[in-house]
Amino acid sequence: MKILIIDDESIVARSLQKAFQLKGHEVRVADSGLQGLQIWQEFGPERVIVDVVMPGMNGLQVIEEAQASGLVKNCKVVLMSAHSSINSIQEAQRRGADSLERKPFDNIFDVVIRIEKL
């Protein structure tokens, strides 16, 4: 599966990248919303994991832009949040995401399994 991780926290992004790669997935990482959108368009991922709080273009803006560009139609989008105003999966879905993951993770491999099952 092709997976794109968009997160400005490199330790989170790299940890997720390694966990997904251990399961045989092809993974790309972006450290900003703008870079994430560029990779999204070129890479054509099946799953996109995007942090809500990032400098510049935040995760919600990334999703809005991806929807407007038609990038969302063939993939599932997961919002990650440590301290944002998004408190429920219903709210994340209203914002255009298919799932919500809370940071920090208790078990990164449980996160991988949930995202794979989307």
N, C-alpha and C. Protein backbone atom coordinates (compact mmCIF):
# COMPACT_ATOMS: atom_id res chain seq x y z
N MET A 1 0.84 -1.17 0.00
CA MET A 1 0.00 0.00 0.00
C MET A 1 0.89 1.24 0.00
N LYS A 2 0.48 2.26 -0.71
CA LYS A 2 1.20 3.54 -0.73
C LYS A 2 0.65 4.44 0.37
N ILE A 3 1.56 4.95 1.20
CA ILE A 3 1.17 5.76 2.35
C ILE A 3 1.98 7.06 2.36
N LEU A 4 1.28 8.17 2.58
CA LEU A 4 1.91 9.48 2.72
C LEU A 4 1.68 9.97 4.14
N ILE A 5 2.76 10.39 4.79
CA ILE A 5 2.70 10.95 6.14
C ILE A 5 3.10 12.41 6.05
N ILE A 6 2.22 13.30 6.52
CA ILE A 6 2.50 14.74 6.51
C ILE A 6 2.52 15.21 7.95
N ASP A 7 3.70 15.49 8.46
CA ASP A 7 3.85 15.90 9.86
C ASP A 7 5.17 16.65 10.01
N ASP A 8 5.13 17.80 10.67
CA ASP A 8 6.34 18.59 10.86
C ASP A 8 7.20 18.06 12.02
N GLU A 9 6.67 17.13 12.81
CA GLU A 9 7.46 16.51 13.88
C GLU A 9 8.17 15.29 13.30
N SER A 10 9.46 15.44 13.03
CA SER A 10 10.19 14.38 12.32
C SER A 10 10.21 13.05 13.08
N ILE A 11 10.25 13.09 14.39
CA ILE A 11 10.30 11.83 15.13
C ILE A 11 9.00 11.04 14.96
N VAL A 12 7.87 11.72 14.92
CA VAL A 12 6.58 11.05 14.70
C VAL A 12 6.52 10.52 13.27
N ALA A 13 6.87 11.37 12.32
CA ALA A 13 6.80 10.96 10.91
C ALA A 13 7.73 9.78 10.61
N ARG A 14 8.94 9.84 11.10
CA ARG A 14 9.90 8.76 10.83
C ARG A 14 9.53 7.47 11.56
N SER A 15 8.98 7.59 12.75
CA SER A 15 8.53 6.40 13.48
C SER A 15 7.40 5.70 12.73
N LEU A 16 6.43 6.49 12.27
CA LEU A 16 5.34 5.91 11.48
C LEU A 16 5.87 5.31 10.18
N GLN A 17 6.78 6.03 9.54
CA GLN A 17 7.36 5.54 8.28
C GLN A 17 8.00 4.16 8.49
N LYS A 18 8.81 4.03 9.51
CA LYS A 18 9.48 2.75 9.76
C LYS A 18 8.48 1.65 10.10
N ALA A 19 7.47 1.97 10.90
CA ALA A 19 6.47 0.97 11.27
C ALA A 19 5.71 0.47 10.04
N PHE A 20 5.33 1.38 9.15
CA PHE A 20 4.63 0.97 7.92
C PHE A 20 5.56 0.20 6.98
N GLN A 21 6.81 0.64 6.88
CA GLN A 21 7.76 -0.06 6.01
C GLN A 21 8.03 -1.48 6.50
N LEU A 22 8.06 -1.68 7.81
CA LEU A 22 8.25 -3.02 8.36
C LEU A 22 7.13 -3.97 7.92
N LYS A 23 5.97 -3.40 7.62
CA LYS A 23 4.83 -4.20 7.17
C LYS A 23 4.77 -4.27 5.64
N GLY A 24 5.79 -3.75 4.96
CA GLY A 24 5.89 -3.87 3.51
C GLY A 24 5.25 -2.77 2.70
N HIS A 25 4.88 -1.66 3.34
CA HIS A 25 4.25 -0.56 2.62
C HIS A 25 5.28 0.39 2.03
N GLU A 26 4.90 1.05 0.95
CA GLU A 26 5.72 2.09 0.34
C GLU A 26 5.31 3.41 0.96
N VAL A 27 6.26 4.11 1.56
CA VAL A 27 5.93 5.30 2.36
C VAL A 27 6.73 6.51 1.89
N ARG A 28 6.04 7.64 1.83
CA ARG A 28 6.67 8.93 1.59
C ARG A 28 6.35 9.82 2.78
N VAL A 29 7.25 10.75 3.09
CA VAL A 29 7.07 11.66 4.22
C VAL A 29 7.25 13.09 3.74
N ALA A 30 6.36 13.97 4.22
CA ALA A 30 6.46 15.40 3.97
C ALA A 30 6.46 16.12 5.31
N ASP A 31 7.26 17.18 5.41
CA ASP A 31 7.33 17.90 6.68
C ASP A 31 6.54 19.21 6.67
N SER A 32 5.76 19.43 5.61
CA SER A 32 4.90 20.61 5.55
C SER A 32 3.67 20.29 4.71
N GLY A 33 2.63 21.09 4.90
CA GLY A 33 1.41 20.88 4.14
C GLY A 33 1.62 21.06 2.65
N LEU A 34 2.35 22.08 2.26
CA LEU A 34 2.59 22.33 0.84
C LEU A 34 3.37 21.18 0.20
N GLN A 35 4.43 20.75 0.86
CA GLN A 35 5.21 19.62 0.35
C GLN A 35 4.33 18.36 0.30
N GLY A 36 3.49 18.18 1.30
CA GLY A 36 2.59 17.04 1.33
C GLY A 36 1.65 17.01 0.15
N LEU A 37 1.09 18.15 -0.20
CA LEU A 37 0.19 18.22 -1.36
C LEU A 37 0.92 17.88 -2.66
N GLN A 38 2.16 18.34 -2.78
CA GLN A 38 2.95 18.04 -3.99
C GLN A 38 3.21 16.54 -4.09
N ILE A 39 3.62 15.92 -3.00
CA ILE A 39 3.88 14.48 -3.00
C ILE A 39 2.58 13.71 -3.23
N TRP A 40 1.50 14.15 -2.61
CA TRP A 40 0.19 13.51 -2.77
C TRP A 40 -0.18 13.42 -4.25
N GLN A 41 -0.01 14.53 -4.96
CA GLN A 41 -0.35 14.57 -6.39
C GLN A 41 0.54 13.64 -7.22
N GLU A 42 1.83 13.60 -6.91
CA GLU A 42 2.78 12.79 -7.69
C GLU A 42 2.74 11.30 -7.33
N PHE A 43 2.55 11.01 -6.06
CA PHE A 43 2.70 9.66 -5.51
C PHE A 43 1.41 8.83 -5.59
N GLY A 44 0.25 9.49 -5.49
CA GLY A 44 -1.02 8.78 -5.53
C GLY A 44 -1.22 7.79 -4.41
N PRO A 45 -1.10 8.23 -3.15
CA PRO A 45 -1.20 7.31 -2.01
C PRO A 45 -2.62 6.78 -1.80
N GLU A 46 -2.69 5.62 -1.14
CA GLU A 46 -3.97 5.03 -0.76
C GLU A 46 -4.38 5.46 0.64
N ARG A 47 -3.40 5.88 1.44
CA ARG A 47 -3.64 6.41 2.78
C ARG A 47 -2.78 7.66 2.95
N VAL A 48 -3.40 8.70 3.52
CA VAL A 48 -2.67 9.92 3.87
C VAL A 48 -2.91 10.19 5.33
N ILE A 49 -1.82 10.35 6.07
CA ILE A 49 -1.86 10.64 7.49
C ILE A 49 -1.34 12.07 7.65
N VAL A 50 -2.18 12.95 8.17
CA VAL A 50 -1.79 14.36 8.24
C VAL A 50 -2.03 14.92 9.64
N ASP A 51 -1.00 15.56 10.16
CA ASP A 51 -1.10 16.21 11.46
C ASP A 51 -1.97 17.45 11.33
N VAL A 52 -2.76 17.73 12.35
CA VAL A 52 -3.62 18.91 12.32
C VAL A 52 -2.81 20.18 12.51
N VAL A 53 -1.96 20.20 13.52
CA VAL A 53 -1.24 21.43 13.87
C VAL A 53 0.15 21.42 13.24
N MET A 54 0.32 22.27 12.22
CA MET A 54 1.61 22.45 11.56
C MET A 54 1.74 23.92 11.21
N PRO A 55 2.96 24.44 11.17
CA PRO A 55 3.13 25.83 10.76
C PRO A 55 2.81 26.00 9.28
N GLY A 56 2.45 27.19 8.91
CA GLY A 56 2.09 27.44 7.50
C GLY A 56 0.72 26.86 7.22
N MET A 57 0.66 25.88 6.37
CA MET A 57 -0.59 25.22 6.01
C MET A 57 -0.87 24.10 7.00
N ASN A 58 -1.95 24.21 7.78
CA ASN A 58 -2.25 23.17 8.76
C ASN A 58 -2.94 21.99 8.09
N GLY A 59 -3.16 20.93 8.85
CA GLY A 59 -3.72 19.71 8.30
C GLY A 59 -5.11 19.88 7.71
N LEU A 60 -5.93 20.71 8.32
CA LEU A 60 -7.27 20.94 7.80
C LEU A 60 -7.23 21.66 6.46
N GLN A 61 -6.31 22.60 6.33
CA GLN A 61 -6.13 23.30 5.06
C GLN A 61 -5.62 22.34 3.98
N VAL A 62 -4.75 21.42 4.37
CA VAL A 62 -4.25 20.41 3.43
C VAL A 62 -5.41 19.58 2.90
N ILE A 63 -6.28 19.13 3.80
CA ILE A 63 -7.42 18.31 3.38
C ILE A 63 -8.35 19.11 2.47
N GLU A 64 -8.63 20.36 2.83
CA GLU A 64 -9.50 21.20 1.99
C GLU A 64 -8.92 21.35 0.59
N GLU A 65 -7.63 21.61 0.50
CA GLU A 65 -6.98 21.78 -0.80
C GLU A 65 -6.99 20.47 -1.58
N ALA A 66 -6.76 19.36 -0.89
CA ALA A 66 -6.77 18.05 -1.55
C ALA A 66 -8.17 17.73 -2.09
N GLN A 67 -9.20 18.08 -1.33
CA GLN A 67 -10.56 17.85 -1.78
C GLN A 67 -10.86 18.70 -3.01
N ALA A 68 -10.45 19.96 -2.98
CA ALA A 68 -10.70 20.87 -4.10
C ALA A 68 -9.96 20.42 -5.36
N SER A 69 -8.82 19.76 -5.17
CA SER A 69 -8.01 19.30 -6.31
C SER A 69 -8.39 17.88 -6.75
N GLY A 70 -9.32 17.24 -6.05
CA GLY A 70 -9.74 15.89 -6.40
C GLY A 70 -8.77 14.80 -5.97
N LEU A 71 -7.86 15.10 -5.07
CA LEU A 71 -6.86 14.12 -4.63
C LEU A 71 -7.43 13.10 -3.66
N VAL A 72 -8.51 13.43 -2.98
CA VAL A 72 -9.04 12.60 -1.90
C VAL A 72 -9.84 11.41 -2.42
N LYS A 73 -10.28 11.46 -3.65
CA LYS A 73 -11.26 10.47 -4.13
C LYS A 73 -10.78 9.02 -4.06
N ASN A 74 -9.50 8.74 -4.17
CA ASN A 74 -9.01 7.37 -4.19
C ASN A 74 -8.18 6.98 -2.97
N CYS A 75 -8.35 7.72 -1.87
CA CYS A 75 -7.57 7.37 -0.69
C CYS A 75 -8.35 7.68 0.58
N LYS A 76 -7.87 7.13 1.67
CA LYS A 76 -8.42 7.39 3.00
C LYS A 76 -7.50 8.38 3.70
N VAL A 77 -8.09 9.32 4.41
CA VAL A 77 -7.34 10.37 5.10
C VAL A 77 -7.49 10.20 6.60
N VAL A 78 -6.35 10.24 7.30
CA VAL A 78 -6.31 10.11 8.76
C VAL A 78 -5.74 11.40 9.33
N LEU A 79 -6.49 12.05 10.21
CA LEU A 79 -5.98 13.21 10.93
C LEU A 79 -5.29 12.74 12.19
N MET A 80 -4.16 13.38 12.52
CA MET A 80 -3.47 13.13 13.78
C MET A 80 -3.53 14.40 14.60
N SER A 81 -3.76 14.25 15.89
CA SER A 81 -3.90 15.42 16.73
C SER A 81 -3.38 15.15 18.14
N ALA A 82 -2.57 16.06 18.63
CA ALA A 82 -2.12 15.98 20.02
C ALA A 82 -2.86 17.01 20.87
N HIS A 83 -3.16 18.15 20.30
CA HIS A 83 -3.74 19.23 21.10
C HIS A 83 -4.53 20.20 20.22
N SER A 84 -5.40 19.64 19.41
CA SER A 84 -6.20 20.53 18.58
C SER A 84 -7.63 20.56 19.08
N SER A 85 -8.45 21.30 18.41
CA SER A 85 -9.85 21.41 18.80
C SER A 85 -10.68 20.25 18.26
N ILE A 86 -10.09 19.38 17.49
CA ILE A 86 -10.82 18.23 16.96
C ILE A 86 -10.84 17.14 18.02
N ASN A 87 -12.01 16.85 18.55
CA ASN A 87 -12.11 15.95 19.69
C ASN A 87 -12.80 14.63 19.39
N SER A 88 -13.36 14.47 18.20
CA SER A 88 -14.09 13.24 17.93
C SER A 88 -13.93 12.83 16.47
N ILE A 89 -14.16 11.56 16.21
CA ILE A 89 -14.11 11.06 14.84
C ILE A 89 -15.20 11.72 14.00
N GLN A 90 -16.35 12.01 14.61
CA GLN A 90 -17.42 12.67 13.86
C GLN A 90 -16.98 14.05 13.38
N GLU A 91 -16.29 14.76 14.24
CA GLU A 91 -15.80 16.08 13.85
C GLU A 91 -14.72 15.96 12.78
N ALA A 92 -13.84 14.98 12.91
CA ALA A 92 -12.81 14.76 11.89
C ALA A 92 -13.45 14.43 10.55
N GLN A 93 -14.51 13.62 10.58
CA GLN A 93 -15.19 13.28 9.33
C GLN A 93 -15.86 14.50 8.72
N ARG A 94 -16.43 15.36 9.53
CA ARG A 94 -17.01 16.61 9.01
C ARG A 94 -15.94 17.46 8.32
N ARG A 95 -14.72 17.32 8.79
CA ARG A 95 -13.61 18.08 8.21
C ARG A 95 -12.99 17.39 6.99
N GLY A 96 -13.47 16.20 6.66
CA GLY A 96 -13.00 15.51 5.47
C GLY A 96 -12.10 14.32 5.72
N ALA A 97 -11.91 13.94 6.97
CA ALA A 97 -11.04 12.80 7.29
C ALA A 97 -11.88 11.54 7.47
N ASP A 98 -11.26 10.41 7.26
CA ASP A 98 -11.92 9.12 7.48
C ASP A 98 -11.69 8.59 8.88
N SER A 99 -10.66 9.09 9.54
CA SER A 99 -10.30 8.59 10.86
C SER A 99 -9.51 9.66 11.61
N LEU A 100 -9.41 9.46 12.93
CA LEU A 100 -8.66 10.36 13.80
C LEU A 100 -7.76 9.54 14.70
N GLU A 101 -6.50 9.89 14.78
CA GLU A 101 -5.55 9.24 15.70
C GLU A 101 -5.00 10.29 16.65
N ARG A 102 -4.99 9.95 17.91
CA ARG A 102 -4.45 10.84 18.95
C ARG A 102 -2.96 10.62 19.13
N LYS A 103 -2.23 11.72 19.27
CA LYS A 103 -0.81 11.65 19.60
C LYS A 103 -0.67 12.10 21.05
N PRO A 104 0.25 11.57 21.81
CA PRO A 104 1.19 10.52 21.43
C PRO A 104 0.49 9.16 21.38
N PHE A 105 1.08 8.26 20.62
CA PHE A 105 0.52 6.93 20.45
C PHE A 105 0.90 6.04 21.63
N ASP A 106 -0.05 5.22 22.08
CA ASP A 106 0.27 4.22 23.09
C ASP A 106 1.08 3.10 22.46
N ASN A 107 0.66 2.67 21.27
CA ASN A 107 1.33 1.58 20.56
C ASN A 107 1.27 1.88 19.07
N ILE A 108 2.39 2.22 18.49
CA ILE A 108 2.42 2.64 17.09
C ILE A 108 1.94 1.53 16.15
N PHE A 109 2.15 0.28 16.53
CA PHE A 109 1.73 -0.81 15.65
C PHE A 109 0.21 -0.98 15.67
N ASP A 110 -0.45 -0.61 16.76
CA ASP A 110 -1.91 -0.58 16.77
C ASP A 110 -2.42 0.49 15.81
N VAL A 111 -1.74 1.63 15.78
CA VAL A 111 -2.10 2.71 14.84
C VAL A 111 -1.97 2.21 13.41
N VAL A 112 -0.88 1.54 13.11
CA VAL A 112 -0.65 1.00 11.76
C VAL A 112 -1.78 0.05 11.37
N ILE A 113 -2.15 -0.83 12.26
CA ILE A 113 -3.22 -1.80 11.97
C ILE A 113 -4.55 -1.08 11.71
N ARG A 114 -4.88 -0.10 12.52
CA ARG A 114 -6.14 0.65 12.31
C ARG A 114 -6.14 1.35 10.95
N ILE A 115 -5.02 1.93 10.59
CA ILE A 115 -4.95 2.66 9.32
C ILE A 115 -5.00 1.68 8.14
N GLU A 116 -4.36 0.55 8.28
CA GLU A 116 -4.41 -0.46 7.22
C GLU A 116 -5.85 -0.93 6.98
N LYS A 117 -6.64 -1.04 8.04
CA LYS A 117 -7.99 -1.58 7.95
C LYS A 117 -9.01 -0.59 7.37
N LEU A 118 -8.66 0.67 7.26
CA LEU A 118 -9.62 1.66 6.74
C LEU A 118 -10.15 1.26 5.38
